[in-house]
Protein backbone atom coordinates (compact mmCIF):
# COMPACT_ATOMS: atom_id res chain seq x y z
CA MET A 1 6.35 59.89 -119.48
CA LEU A 2 4.33 56.97 -117.89
CA THR A 3 5.64 54.19 -120.50
CA LEU A 4 9.44 55.30 -119.19
CA GLN A 5 8.32 55.03 -115.82
CA ILE A 6 6.69 51.78 -116.21
CA LEU A 7 9.49 49.76 -118.22
CA ILE A 8 12.35 51.61 -115.46
CA GLU A 9 10.15 50.00 -112.80
CA GLN A 10 9.82 46.64 -114.83
CA LEU A 11 13.92 47.05 -115.33
CA LYS A 12 14.41 46.61 -111.29
CA LEU A 13 11.68 43.97 -111.19
CA PHE A 14 13.86 41.77 -113.91
CA ASP A 15 17.03 41.89 -112.11
CA ASP A 16 15.32 41.13 -109.04
CA LYS A 17 14.50 37.84 -110.61
CA LEU A 18 17.31 37.22 -112.14
CA GLN A 19 18.98 37.07 -108.75
CA ASN A 20 16.00 34.73 -107.62
CA CYS A 21 16.33 32.79 -111.12
CA GLU A 22 17.76 28.91 -110.82
CA ASP A 23 16.23 27.89 -113.71
CA ASP A 24 18.10 28.69 -117.16
CA GLU A 25 16.23 28.81 -119.67
CA GLN A 26 14.16 31.11 -117.36
CA ARG A 27 17.24 33.17 -116.90
CA LYS A 28 17.78 33.92 -120.51
CA LYS A 29 14.00 34.66 -121.67
CA ILE A 30 14.51 37.46 -118.34
CA GLU A 31 17.68 38.57 -119.69
CA THR A 32 16.26 38.72 -123.17
CA LEU A 33 13.38 40.71 -121.41
CA LYS A 34 15.29 42.96 -120.10
CA GLU A 35 17.46 43.65 -122.77
CA THR A 36 14.16 44.36 -125.07
CA THR A 37 13.36 46.93 -122.67
CA ASN A 38 16.51 48.45 -121.65
CA SER A 39 16.56 49.69 -125.89
CA MET A 40 13.61 50.74 -125.27
CA VAL A 41 13.92 52.75 -122.46
CA LYS A 42 16.89 54.07 -124.27
CA SER A 43 15.00 54.73 -127.10
CA ILE A 44 11.90 56.59 -125.09
CA LYS A 45 15.03 59.12 -123.41
CA TYR A 46 16.50 59.64 -126.99
CA CYS A 47 13.55 60.75 -128.49
CA MET A 48 12.91 62.95 -125.61
CA VAL A 49 16.07 65.34 -126.05
CA LEU A 50 15.02 64.82 -129.73
CA LEU A 51 11.34 66.63 -128.78
CA GLN A 52 13.13 69.30 -126.27
CA ILE A 53 15.56 70.25 -129.08
CA ALA A 54 12.98 70.83 -131.55
CA LYS A 55 10.89 72.75 -128.83
CA THR A 56 14.09 74.65 -128.05
CA THR A 57 13.99 75.11 -131.43
CA VAL A 58 11.20 76.36 -132.41
CA ASN A 59 10.52 78.63 -129.26
CA PRO A 60 14.25 79.49 -127.90
CA VAL A 61 14.43 81.23 -124.60
CA ASP A 62 15.39 84.80 -125.63
CA ALA A 63 12.56 84.37 -128.84
CA ILE A 64 14.92 85.05 -131.51
CA TYR A 65 16.60 81.47 -133.25
CA GLN A 66 19.47 82.50 -134.69
CA PRO A 67 21.61 79.42 -136.61
CA SER A 68 24.93 79.44 -136.46
CA PRO A 69 26.31 79.60 -139.70
CA LEU A 70 28.01 75.96 -139.50
CA GLU A 71 24.53 74.76 -138.20
CA PRO A 72 23.90 70.98 -140.26
CA VAL A 73 21.21 70.80 -142.20
CA ILE A 74 18.45 69.18 -140.31
CA SER A 75 17.57 65.83 -141.47
CA THR A 76 14.27 64.30 -141.00
CA MET A 77 14.27 61.14 -142.98
CA PRO A 78 17.35 59.82 -145.60
CA SER A 79 14.71 61.34 -148.61
CA GLN A 80 13.91 64.74 -147.04
CA THR A 81 16.33 66.99 -146.14
CA VAL A 82 14.52 70.35 -144.15
CA LEU A 83 17.34 73.74 -143.88
CA PRO A 84 16.57 75.75 -140.48
CA PRO A 85 14.53 78.42 -141.02
CA GLU A 86 15.59 82.11 -141.16
CA PRO A 87 15.92 84.04 -137.74
CA ALA A 88 13.44 86.27 -138.21
CA GLN A 89 11.21 83.81 -139.14
CA PHE A 90 10.95 82.60 -135.14
CA CYS A 91 10.36 86.39 -134.00
CA LYS A 92 6.86 85.19 -131.57
CA SER A 93 5.85 88.83 -132.05
CA GLU A 94 5.13 89.14 -135.55
CA GLN A 95 4.66 85.66 -136.28
CA ARG A 96 3.03 82.15 -135.28
CA LEU A 97 4.60 78.99 -136.42
CA SER A 98 1.49 78.46 -138.95
CA SER A 99 2.14 81.09 -140.60
CA LEU A 100 5.29 80.13 -141.96
CA PRO A 101 6.23 79.82 -145.18
CA ILE A 102 6.92 75.71 -145.77
CA GLU A 103 9.22 74.17 -148.28
CA PRO A 104 7.45 72.68 -151.60
CA GLU A 105 8.59 69.41 -150.69
CA LEU A 106 7.17 69.40 -146.86
CA ALA A 107 4.36 71.28 -148.09
CA THR A 108 2.53 67.80 -148.84
CA LEU A 109 3.35 65.96 -145.67
CA GLY A 110 0.47 68.26 -143.90
CA HIS A 111 -1.99 68.37 -146.51
CA HIS A 112 -4.42 66.15 -144.93
CA GLN A 113 -3.51 67.21 -141.08
CA THR A 114 -5.98 69.53 -139.34
CA PRO A 115 -3.65 72.73 -138.10
CA THR A 116 -2.86 72.24 -134.66
């Protein structure tokens, strides 16, 4: 979150510098930096939204995840496709996330990671 705030503040500084800049070459450099920074801000915001969606999916407000029958498959990478788990697997009182079954293709992904 701190990085996002720094980048947003930097965008404001770029705007100020552009208003006072008289050199065309310097102006182009500042505009390029501003575009890159703006792209980074958008990417960070998008990632934050995706993380919030994932968090809400794993820990829904009502403690039970009920996917709609028309819900699309969640794609993590082009070479991997993960289907949403069964609704009963998300009941907080019955199971922890670490005890949920893992798809065979995904079991090797976390092989070298320590549990959280």
